[in-house]
């Protein structure tokens, strides 16, 4: 199953396409599309990850307000969301819930560089307690492996961060693999304080490899707009499904590409998936 967003050359979302508008390739072999639909109602399981390291000090209140409005706008009946914050620790501020008030309280409980106490995600093999800096990759890994792995349907993480990672126990590649293995799309709102800078390259890689987007945010006004763009993205997808011609259960990573019949249109979807092991 691929969740695909299609945009025209002016970056506008393209509605009302049919199966014939799409071509799917796996490892350069064209695949027969077995099912197709326009997804506006399929439930979303969403993780909102807030960077609470010192570099986000000046934007935190704007991030909290815009984040609350985003949750109210994007979540529909049947959707669930959780809220995490990360700096030197990864803290679970709210587990999956449909309760908007609970999510709102969780977002407003986030604090710069302040461990919440008692709410830390079970780090498994990751000793998160002694990280120095910002544990971005660890937060993604834990969100995917510990929380989203058991969820079904459409899964997305929206991260508000400058994409600077300092001190994570896992590498960037491991964070991306965790997202790919759990079919999770990563969207990033790149909020960078000019004094600290941001890592656009890391943000781009995380989003591109999983089928998400990066929206750069330079002001509080742009933050609201960025959340709106991601909200539209999550609500304007096509599902394109196929049975792979390569039936080997070898656990290998398979590259996937979606092409459009209209060359002016661009399809946004994940770059591939891991085959199951027999």
C-alpha atoms as a PDB file:
ATOM      1  CA  UNK A   1       0.000   0.000   0.000  1.00  0.00           C
ATOM      2  CA  UNK A   2       1.418   3.379  -0.985  1.00  0.00           C
ATOM      3  CA  UNK A   3      -0.058   6.648   0.215  1.00  0.00           C
ATOM      4  CA  UNK A   4       0.601   9.204  -2.518  1.00  0.00           C
ATOM      5  CA  UNK A   5       0.171  12.975  -2.674  1.00  0.00           C
ATOM      6  CA  UNK A   6       0.233  14.560  -6.133  1.00  0.00           C
ATOM      7  CA  UNK A   7       1.165  18.175  -6.845  1.00  0.00           C
ATOM      8  CA  UNK A   8       1.309  20.198 -10.045  1.00  0.00           C
ATOM      9  CA  UNK A   9       4.269  22.334 -11.124  1.00  0.00           C
ATOM     10  CA  UNK A  10       2.914  25.217  -9.022  1.00  0.00           C
ATOM     11  CA  UNK A  11       3.017  22.933  -5.950  1.00  0.00           C
ATOM     12  CA  UNK A  12      -0.784  22.777  -5.725  1.00  0.00           C
ATOM     13  CA  UNK A  13      -2.391  19.483  -4.695  1.00  0.00           C
ATOM     14  CA  UNK A  14      -4.102  17.677  -7.589  1.00  0.00           C
ATOM     15  CA  UNK A  15      -7.502  16.102  -6.773  1.00  0.00           C
ATOM     16  CA  UNK A  16      -9.728  13.779  -8.815  1.00  0.00           C
ATOM     17  CA  UNK A  17      -7.101  11.571 -10.466  1.00  0.00           C
ATOM     18  CA  UNK A  18      -7.834   7.989 -11.547  1.00  0.00           C
ATOM     19  CA  UNK A  19      -5.822   4.763 -11.455  1.00  0.00           C
ATOM     20  CA  UNK A  20      -4.739   5.334 -15.070  1.00  0.00           C
ATOM     21  CA  UNK A  21      -2.873   8.491 -14.042  1.00  0.00           C
ATOM     22  CA  UNK A  22      -0.375   6.426 -11.996  1.00  0.00           C
ATOM     23  CA  UNK A  23       2.461   4.013 -12.791  1.00  0.00           C
ATOM     24  CA  UNK A  24       4.242   2.091 -10.037  1.00  0.00           C
ATOM     25  CA  UNK A  25       7.731   0.576 -10.239  1.00  0.00           C
ATOM     26  CA  UNK A  26       9.470  -1.717  -7.756  1.00  0.00           C
ATOM     27  CA  UNK A  27      13.219  -2.083  -8.305  1.00  0.00           C
ATOM     28  CA  UNK A  28      12.606  -0.630 -11.810  1.00  0.00           C
ATOM     29  CA  UNK A  29      10.001  -3.297 -12.701  1.00  0.00           C
ATOM     30  CA  UNK A  30       6.543  -1.916 -13.485  1.00  0.00           C
ATOM     31  CA  UNK A  31       3.849  -3.328 -11.196  1.00  0.00           C
ATOM     32  CA  UNK A  32       0.150  -3.882 -11.889  1.00  0.00           C
ATOM     33  CA  UNK A  33      -1.974  -1.605  -9.713  1.00  0.00           C
ATOM     34  CA  UNK A  34      -4.450  -3.901  -7.937  1.00  0.00           C
ATOM     35  CA  UNK A  35      -6.445  -1.327  -6.001  1.00  0.00           C
ATOM     36  CA  UNK A  36      -6.791   2.418  -5.950  1.00  0.00           C
ATOM     37  CA  UNK A  37      -8.742   4.985  -3.956  1.00  0.00           C
ATOM     38  CA  UNK A  38      -8.698   8.622  -2.950  1.00  0.00           C
ATOM     39  CA  UNK A  39      -8.138   8.699   0.790  1.00  0.00           C
ATOM     40  CA  UNK A  40      -9.894  11.401   2.735  1.00  0.00           C
ATOM     41  CA  UNK A  41     -11.603   9.272   5.346  1.00  0.00           C
ATOM     42  CA  UNK A  42      -9.108   6.524   6.246  1.00  0.00           C
ATOM     43  CA  UNK A  43      -8.112   7.159   9.885  1.00  0.00           C
ATOM     44  CA  UNK A  44      -4.728   8.697  10.642  1.00  0.00           C
ATOM     45  CA  UNK A  45      -2.489   7.784  13.561  1.00  0.00           C
ATOM     46  CA  UNK A  46      -0.372  10.854  14.200  1.00  0.00           C
ATOM     47  CA  UNK A  47       2.641  11.649  16.350  1.00  0.00           C
ATOM     48  CA  UNK A  48       3.470  15.291  17.097  1.00  0.00           C
ATOM     49  CA  UNK A  49       7.137  15.578  18.136  1.00  0.00           C
ATOM     50  CA  UNK A  50       8.221  18.900  19.650  1.00  0.00           C
ATOM     51  CA  UNK A  51      11.864  19.917  19.902  1.00  0.00           C
ATOM     52  CA  UNK A  52      12.283  21.463  23.366  1.00  0.00           C
ATOM     53  CA  UNK A  53      16.039  22.004  23.228  1.00  0.00           C
ATOM     54  CA  UNK A  54      17.397  25.466  24.032  1.00  0.00           C
ATOM     55  CA  UNK A  55      17.570  26.469  20.371  1.00  0.00           C
ATOM     56  CA  UNK A  56      13.739  26.549  20.211  1.00  0.00           C
ATOM     57  CA  UNK A  57      13.356  28.812  23.284  1.00  0.00           C
ATOM     58  CA  UNK A  58      12.063  31.846  21.359  1.00  0.00           C
ATOM     59  CA  UNK A  59       9.470  29.915  19.350  1.00  0.00           C
ATOM     60  CA  UNK A  60       8.053  27.508  21.939  1.00  0.00           C
ATOM     61  CA  UNK A  61       4.847  29.414  22.758  1.00  0.00           C
ATOM     62  CA  UNK A  62       4.085  29.978  19.078  1.00  0.00           C
ATOM     63  CA  UNK A  63       4.772  26.282  18.413  1.00  0.00           C
ATOM     64  CA  UNK A  64       2.381  25.261  21.208  1.00  0.00           C
ATOM     65  CA  UNK A  65      -0.442  27.495  19.939  1.00  0.00           C
ATOM     66  CA  UNK A  66      -0.029  26.491  16.301  1.00  0.00           C
ATOM     67  CA  UNK A  67       0.348  22.822  17.291  1.00  0.00           C
ATOM     68  CA  UNK A  68      -2.954  22.878  19.195  1.00  0.00           C
ATOM     69  CA  UNK A  69      -4.768  24.486  16.288  1.00  0.00           C
ATOM     70  CA  UNK A  70      -3.203  21.966  13.905  1.00  0.00           C
ATOM     71  CA  UNK A  71      -4.467  19.033  15.993  1.00  0.00           C
ATOM     72  CA  UNK A  72      -7.974  20.522  16.045  1.00  0.00           C
ATOM     73  CA  UNK A  73      -7.916  21.059  12.300  1.00  0.00           C
ATOM     74  CA  UNK A  74      -6.426  17.756  11.146  1.00  0.00           C
ATOM     75  CA  UNK A  75      -7.964  15.200  13.517  1.00  0.00           C
ATOM     76  CA  UNK A  76     -11.306  13.668  12.565  1.00  0.00           C
ATOM     77  CA  UNK A  77     -13.453  11.025  14.210  1.00  0.00           C
ATOM     78  CA  UNK A  78     -11.498   7.775  14.427  1.00  0.00           C
ATOM     79  CA  UNK A  79      -8.077   9.465  14.280  1.00  0.00           C
ATOM     80  CA  UNK A  80      -5.637   9.192  17.168  1.00  0.00           C
ATOM     81  CA  UNK A  81      -2.600  11.257  18.096  1.00  0.00           C
ATOM     82  CA  UNK A  82       0.211  11.297  20.636  1.00  0.00           C
ATOM     83  CA  UNK A  83       2.562  14.077  21.732  1.00  0.00           C
ATOM     84  CA  UNK A  84       6.295  13.697  22.473  1.00  0.00           C
ATOM     85  CA  UNK A  85       8.894  16.254  23.394  1.00  0.00           C
ATOM     86  CA  UNK A  86      12.622  15.722  23.003  1.00  0.00           C
ATOM     87  CA  UNK A  87      15.801  17.451  24.108  1.00  0.00           C
ATOM     88  CA  UNK A  88      18.239  15.509  26.302  1.00  0.00           C
ATOM     89  CA  UNK A  89      15.366  13.079  27.024  1.00  0.00           C
ATOM     90  CA  UNK A  90      12.437  11.788  25.003  1.00  0.00           C
ATOM     91  CA  UNK A  91       9.231  12.389  26.974  1.00  0.00           C
ATOM     92  CA  UNK A  92       5.779  11.011  26.222  1.00  0.00           C
ATOM     93  CA  UNK A  93       3.432  13.900  27.074  1.00  0.00           C
ATOM     94  CA  UNK A  94       0.306  12.130  25.844  1.00  0.00           C
ATOM     95  CA  UNK A  95      -0.178   8.575  24.631  1.00  0.00           C
ATOM     96  CA  UNK A  96      -2.487   7.853  21.678  1.00  0.00           C
ATOM     97  CA  UNK A  97      -5.917   9.362  22.234  1.00  0.00           C
ATOM     98  CA  UNK A  98      -8.856  10.908  20.381  1.00  0.00           C
ATOM     99  CA  UNK A  99      -9.323  13.374  23.261  1.00  0.00           C
ATOM    100  CA  UNK A 100      -8.468  16.845  21.888  1.00  0.00           C
ATOM    101  CA  UNK A 101      -8.414  18.431  25.358  1.00  0.00           C
ATOM    102  CA  UNK A 102      -5.837  15.877  26.554  1.00  0.00           C
ATOM    103  CA  UNK A 103      -3.657  16.530  23.485  1.00  0.00           C
ATOM    104  CA  UNK A 104      -3.995  20.272  23.987  1.00  0.00           C
ATOM    105  CA  UNK A 105      -2.868  20.009  27.616  1.00  0.00           C
ATOM    106  CA  UNK A 106       0.064  17.795  26.590  1.00  0.00           C
ATOM    107  CA  UNK A 107       1.258  20.279  23.958  1.00  0.00           C
ATOM    108  CA  UNK A 108       1.119  23.143  26.449  1.00  0.00           C
ATOM    109  CA  UNK A 109       2.979  21.065  29.049  1.00  0.00           C
ATOM    110  CA  UNK A 110       6.114  20.953  26.884  1.00  0.00           C
ATOM    111  CA  UNK A 111       8.992  22.928  28.410  1.00  0.00           C
ATOM    112  CA  UNK A 112      12.438  23.867  27.164  1.00  0.00           C
ATOM    113  CA  UNK A 113      15.018  21.343  28.419  1.00  0.00           C
ATOM    114  CA  UNK A 114      12.833  20.193  31.306  1.00  0.00           C
ATOM    115  CA  UNK A 115      12.401  16.444  31.913  1.00  0.00           C
ATOM    116  CA  UNK A 116       8.744  15.739  32.744  1.00  0.00           C
ATOM    117  CA  UNK A 117       9.486  12.910  35.132  1.00  0.00           C
ATOM    118  CA  UNK A 118       7.662   9.613  34.933  1.00  0.00           C
ATOM    119  CA  UNK A 119       6.578  10.099  31.356  1.00  0.00           C
ATOM    120  CA  UNK A 120       9.643   8.938  29.510  1.00  0.00           C
ATOM    121  CA  UNK A 121       9.089   6.497  26.682  1.00  0.00           C
ATOM    122  CA  UNK A 122      10.446   3.053  27.454  1.00  0.00           C
ATOM    123  CA  UNK A 123      13.816   3.414  25.742  1.00  0.00           C
ATOM    124  CA  UNK A 124      14.432  -0.308  25.259  1.00  0.00           C
ATOM    125  CA  UNK A 125      18.055  -0.554  24.107  1.00  0.00           C
ATOM    126  CA  UNK A 126      18.461   3.245  24.220  1.00  0.00           C
ATOM    127  CA  UNK A 127      19.830   4.698  27.451  1.00  0.00           C
ATOM    128  CA  UNK A 128      18.300   8.150  26.890  1.00  0.00           C
ATOM    129  CA  UNK A 129      19.046   9.480  30.361  1.00  0.00           C
ATOM    130  CA  UNK A 130      22.563  10.736  29.649  1.00  0.00           C
ATOM    131  CA  UNK A 131      22.189  12.317  26.207  1.00  0.00           C
ATOM    132  CA  UNK A 132      23.952  15.633  25.830  1.00  0.00           C
ATOM    133  CA  UNK A 133      22.144  17.913  23.374  1.00  0.00           C
ATOM    134  CA  UNK A 134      19.116  17.076  21.241  1.00  0.00           C
ATOM    135  CA  UNK A 135      17.922  13.507  20.763  1.00  0.00           C
ATOM    136  CA  UNK A 136      16.072  13.959  17.451  1.00  0.00           C
ATOM    137  CA  UNK A 137      16.986  10.568  15.934  1.00  0.00           C
ATOM    138  CA  UNK A 138      16.248   8.744  19.187  1.00  0.00           C
ATOM    139  CA  UNK A 139      12.819  10.438  19.362  1.00  0.00           C
ATOM    140  CA  UNK A 140      11.946   9.264  15.822  1.00  0.00           C
ATOM    141  CA  UNK A 141      13.245   5.747  16.507  1.00  0.00           C
ATOM    142  CA  UNK A 142      11.294   5.422  19.759  1.00  0.00           C
ATOM    143  CA  UNK A 143       8.105   6.928  18.291  1.00  0.00           C
ATOM    144  CA  UNK A 144       8.179   4.437  15.409  1.00  0.00           C
ATOM    145  CA  UNK A 145       9.485   1.309  17.154  1.00  0.00           C
ATOM    146  CA  UNK A 146       7.751   1.644  20.517  1.00  0.00           C
ATOM    147  CA  UNK A 147       4.521   3.412  19.590  1.00  0.00           C
ATOM    148  CA  UNK A 148       3.636   3.233  15.887  1.00  0.00           C
ATOM    149  CA  UNK A 149       4.818  -0.301  15.096  1.00  0.00           C
ATOM    150  CA  UNK A 150       1.591  -1.834  16.412  1.00  0.00           C
ATOM    151  CA  UNK A 151      -0.731   0.721  14.776  1.00  0.00           C
ATOM    152  CA  UNK A 152      -2.485   0.109  11.434  1.00  0.00           C
ATOM    153  CA  UNK A 153      -3.567   2.362   8.553  1.00  0.00           C
ATOM    154  CA  UNK A 154      -2.065   5.740   7.756  1.00  0.00           C
ATOM    155  CA  UNK A 155       0.746   6.722  10.090  1.00  0.00           C
ATOM    156  CA  UNK A 156       2.545  10.047  10.178  1.00  0.00           C
ATOM    157  CA  UNK A 157       4.925  11.958  12.401  1.00  0.00           C
ATOM    158  CA  UNK A 158       4.994  15.756  12.344  1.00  0.00           C
ATOM    159  CA  UNK A 159       8.197  17.107  13.892  1.00  0.00           C
ATOM    160  CA  UNK A 160       8.745  20.740  14.834  1.00  0.00           C
ATOM    161  CA  UNK A 161      12.530  21.096  15.015  1.00  0.00           C
ATOM    162  CA  UNK A 162      15.663  22.765  13.660  1.00  0.00           C
ATOM    163  CA  UNK A 163      16.807  19.202  12.753  1.00  0.00           C
ATOM    164  CA  UNK A 164      20.055  19.539  14.705  1.00  0.00           C
ATOM    165  CA  UNK A 165      20.867  16.284  16.472  1.00  0.00           C
ATOM    166  CA  UNK A 166      23.493  16.118  19.186  1.00  0.00           C
ATOM    167  CA  UNK A 167      24.032  12.967  21.164  1.00  0.00           C
ATOM    168  CA  UNK A 168      21.410  10.498  19.919  1.00  0.00           C
ATOM    169  CA  UNK A 169      22.288   6.856  20.470  1.00  0.00           C
ATOM    170  CA  UNK A 170      20.926   5.826  17.056  1.00  0.00           C
ATOM    171  CA  UNK A 171      22.152   7.140  13.709  1.00  0.00           C
ATOM    172  CA  UNK A 172      20.103   9.047  11.123  1.00  0.00           C
ATOM    173  CA  UNK A 173      19.919   5.916   8.938  1.00  0.00           C
ATOM    174  CA  UNK A 174      18.490   3.861  11.826  1.00  0.00           C
ATOM    175  CA  UNK A 175      15.818   6.499  12.487  1.00  0.00           C
ATOM    176  CA  UNK A 176      14.825   6.432   8.798  1.00  0.00           C
ATOM    177  CA  UNK A 177      14.776   2.615   8.767  1.00  0.00           C
ATOM    178  CA  UNK A 178      12.501   2.563  11.844  1.00  0.00           C
ATOM    179  CA  UNK A 179      10.056   4.841   9.994  1.00  0.00           C
ATOM    180  CA  UNK A 180      10.229   2.772   6.808  1.00  0.00           C
ATOM    181  CA  UNK A 181       9.716  -0.534   8.605  1.00  0.00           C
ATOM    182  CA  UNK A 182       6.590   0.825  10.335  1.00  0.00           C
ATOM    183  CA  UNK A 183       5.268   2.576   7.167  1.00  0.00           C
ATOM    184  CA  UNK A 184       5.450   5.965   8.884  1.00  0.00           C
ATOM    185  CA  UNK A 185       5.654   9.207   6.905  1.00  0.00           C
ATOM    186  CA  UNK A 186       7.777  11.986   8.438  1.00  0.00           C
ATOM    187  CA  UNK A 187       6.821  15.637   7.888  1.00  0.00           C
ATOM    188  CA  UNK A 188       9.133  18.324   9.261  1.00  0.00           C
ATOM    189  CA  UNK A 189       8.416  21.930  10.145  1.00  0.00           C
ATOM    190  CA  UNK A 190      11.928  23.340  10.087  1.00  0.00           C
ATOM    191  CA  UNK A 191      11.948  26.050  12.758  1.00  0.00           C
ATOM    192  CA  UNK A 192      15.481  27.394  13.110  1.00  0.00           C
ATOM    193  CA  UNK A 193      16.686  30.204  15.352  1.00  0.00           C
ATOM    194  CA  UNK A 194      19.127  32.258  13.211  1.00  0.00           C
ATOM    195  CA  UNK A 195      21.661  32.199  16.081  1.00  0.00           C
ATOM    196  CA  UNK A 196      21.847  28.395  16.048  1.00  0.00           C
ATOM    197  CA  UNK A 197      21.005  27.566  12.446  1.00  0.00           C
ATOM    198  CA  UNK A 198      19.159  24.478  11.242  1.00  0.00           C
ATOM    199  CA  UNK A 199      20.098  21.297   9.445  1.00  0.00           C
ATOM    200  CA  UNK A 200      18.029  21.407   6.255  1.00  0.00           C
ATOM    201  CA  UNK A 201      19.913  18.434   4.790  1.00  0.00           C
ATOM    202  CA  UNK A 202      18.873  16.111   7.615  1.00  0.00           C
ATOM    203  CA  UNK A 203      15.272  17.359   7.488  1.00  0.00           C
ATOM    204  CA  UNK A 204      15.136  16.781   3.716  1.00  0.00           C
ATOM    205  CA  UNK A 205      16.532  13.249   3.996  1.00  0.00           C
ATOM    206  CA  UNK A 206      14.091  12.227   6.746  1.00  0.00           C
ATOM    207  CA  UNK A 207      11.118  13.524   4.773  1.00  0.00           C
ATOM    208  CA  UNK A 208      12.149  12.350   1.299  1.00  0.00           C
ATOM    209  CA  UNK A 209      12.997   8.791   2.345  1.00  0.00           C
ATOM    210  CA  UNK A 210       9.601   8.327   4.007  1.00  0.00           C
ATOM    211  CA  UNK A 211       7.346  10.244   1.583  1.00  0.00           C
ATOM    212  CA  UNK A 212       6.880  13.386   3.679  1.00  0.00           C
ATOM    213  CA  UNK A 213       7.593  17.079   3.271  1.00  0.00           C
ATOM    214  CA  UNK A 214       9.784  19.752   4.797  1.00  0.00           C
ATOM    215  CA  UNK A 215       8.261  23.193   5.315  1.00  0.00           C
ATOM    216  CA  UNK A 216      10.718  25.910   6.379  1.00  0.00           C
ATOM    217  CA  UNK A 217       9.351  28.281   8.984  1.00  0.00           C
ATOM    218  CA  UNK A 218      10.950  31.676   9.517  1.00  0.00           C
ATOM    219  CA  UNK A 219       8.248  33.436  11.557  1.00  0.00           C
ATOM    220  CA  UNK A 220       5.240  32.786  13.782  1.00  0.00           C
ATOM    221  CA  UNK A 221       2.899  33.642  10.908  1.00  0.00           C
ATOM    222  CA  UNK A 222       4.644  31.089   8.676  1.00  0.00           C
ATOM    223  CA  UNK A 223       4.281  28.465  11.415  1.00  0.00           C
ATOM    224  CA  UNK A 224       0.472  28.557  11.192  1.00  0.00           C
ATOM    225  CA  UNK A 225       0.705  28.344   7.391  1.00  0.00           C
ATOM    226  CA  UNK A 226       3.129  25.401   7.605  1.00  0.00           C
ATOM    227  CA  UNK A 227       0.795  23.421   9.866  1.00  0.00           C
ATOM    228  CA  UNK A 228      -2.008  24.146   7.359  1.00  0.00           C
ATOM    229  CA  UNK A 229       0.106  22.755   4.513  1.00  0.00           C
ATOM    230  CA  UNK A 230       0.847  19.546   6.407  1.00  0.00           C
ATOM    231  CA  UNK A 231      -2.835  19.270   7.358  1.00  0.00           C
ATOM    232  CA  UNK A 232      -3.806  19.512   3.675  1.00  0.00           C
ATOM    233  CA  UNK A 233      -1.127  16.952   2.793  1.00  0.00           C
ATOM    234  CA  UNK A 234      -2.484  14.423   5.309  1.00  0.00           C
ATOM    235  CA  UNK A 235      -6.037  14.855   4.023  1.00  0.00           C
ATOM    236  CA  UNK A 236      -5.320  14.745   0.254  1.00  0.00           C
ATOM    237  CA  UNK A 237      -3.790  11.367  -0.483  1.00  0.00           C
ATOM    238  CA  UNK A 238      -4.380   8.525  -2.902  1.00  0.00           C
ATOM    239  CA  UNK A 239      -3.906   4.880  -1.942  1.00  0.00           C
ATOM    240  CA  UNK A 240      -2.184   2.854  -4.635  1.00  0.00           C
ATOM    241  CA  UNK A 241      -1.839  -0.863  -3.921  1.00  0.00           C
ATOM    242  CA  UNK A 242      -0.111  -3.690  -5.764  1.00  0.00           C
ATOM    243  CA  UNK A 243       1.074  -7.283  -5.286  1.00  0.00           C
ATOM    244  CA  UNK A 244       4.859  -7.312  -5.898  1.00  0.00           C
ATOM    245  CA  UNK A 245       6.033  -9.433  -8.827  1.00  0.00           C
ATOM    246  CA  UNK A 246       9.081 -10.286  -6.688  1.00  0.00           C
ATOM    247  CA  UNK A 247       7.562 -12.658  -4.132  1.00  0.00           C
ATOM    248  CA  UNK A 248      10.815 -13.525  -2.324  1.00  0.00           C
ATOM    249  CA  UNK A 249      10.539 -13.142   1.464  1.00  0.00           C
ATOM    250  CA  UNK A 250      14.150 -12.096   1.894  1.00  0.00           C
ATOM    251  CA  UNK A 251      13.843  -9.075   4.208  1.00  0.00           C
ATOM    252  CA  UNK A 252      15.515  -6.925   1.565  1.00  0.00           C
ATOM    253  CA  UNK A 253      14.809  -3.228   0.989  1.00  0.00           C
ATOM    254  CA  UNK A 254      12.809  -2.753  -2.239  1.00  0.00           C
ATOM    255  CA  UNK A 255      12.941   0.596  -4.014  1.00  0.00           C
ATOM    256  CA  UNK A 256       9.582   2.010  -5.065  1.00  0.00           C
ATOM    257  CA  UNK A 257       8.861   4.788  -7.547  1.00  0.00           C
ATOM    258  CA  UNK A 258       5.538   6.298  -8.621  1.00  0.00           C
ATOM    259  CA  UNK A 259       5.380   8.100 -11.968  1.00  0.00           C
ATOM    260  CA  UNK A 260       2.537  10.197 -13.322  1.00  0.00           C
ATOM    261  CA  UNK A 261       1.064  10.018 -16.823  1.00  0.00           C
ATOM    262  CA  UNK A 262       1.044  13.834 -16.808  1.00  0.00           C
ATOM    263  CA  UNK A 263       4.700  14.903 -16.625  1.00  0.00           C
ATOM    264  CA  UNK A 264       3.713  18.215 -15.004  1.00  0.00           C
ATOM    265  CA  UNK A 265       2.522  16.302 -11.946  1.00  0.00           C
ATOM    266  CA  UNK A 266       4.843  15.045  -9.217  1.00  0.00           C
ATOM    267  CA  UNK A 267       4.000  12.144  -6.907  1.00  0.00           C
ATOM    268  CA  UNK A 268       5.176  12.211  -3.303  1.00  0.00           C
ATOM    269  CA  UNK A 269       5.422   8.819  -1.609  1.00  0.00           C
ATOM    270  CA  UNK A 270       7.929   6.736   0.309  1.00  0.00           C
ATOM    271  CA  UNK A 271      11.096   5.531  -1.415  1.00  0.00           C
ATOM    272  CA  UNK A 272      10.583   1.859  -0.644  1.00  0.00           C
ATOM    273  CA  UNK A 273       9.822  -0.807   1.943  1.00  0.00           C
ATOM    274  CA  UNK A 274      11.393  -3.841   3.602  1.00  0.00           C
ATOM    275  CA  UNK A 275      10.146  -7.208   2.309  1.00  0.00           C
ATOM    276  CA  UNK A 276       8.973  -9.612   5.015  1.00  0.00           C
ATOM    277  CA  UNK A 277      11.217 -12.498   6.032  1.00  0.00           C
ATOM    278  CA  UNK A 278       9.904 -16.033   5.663  1.00  0.00           C
END
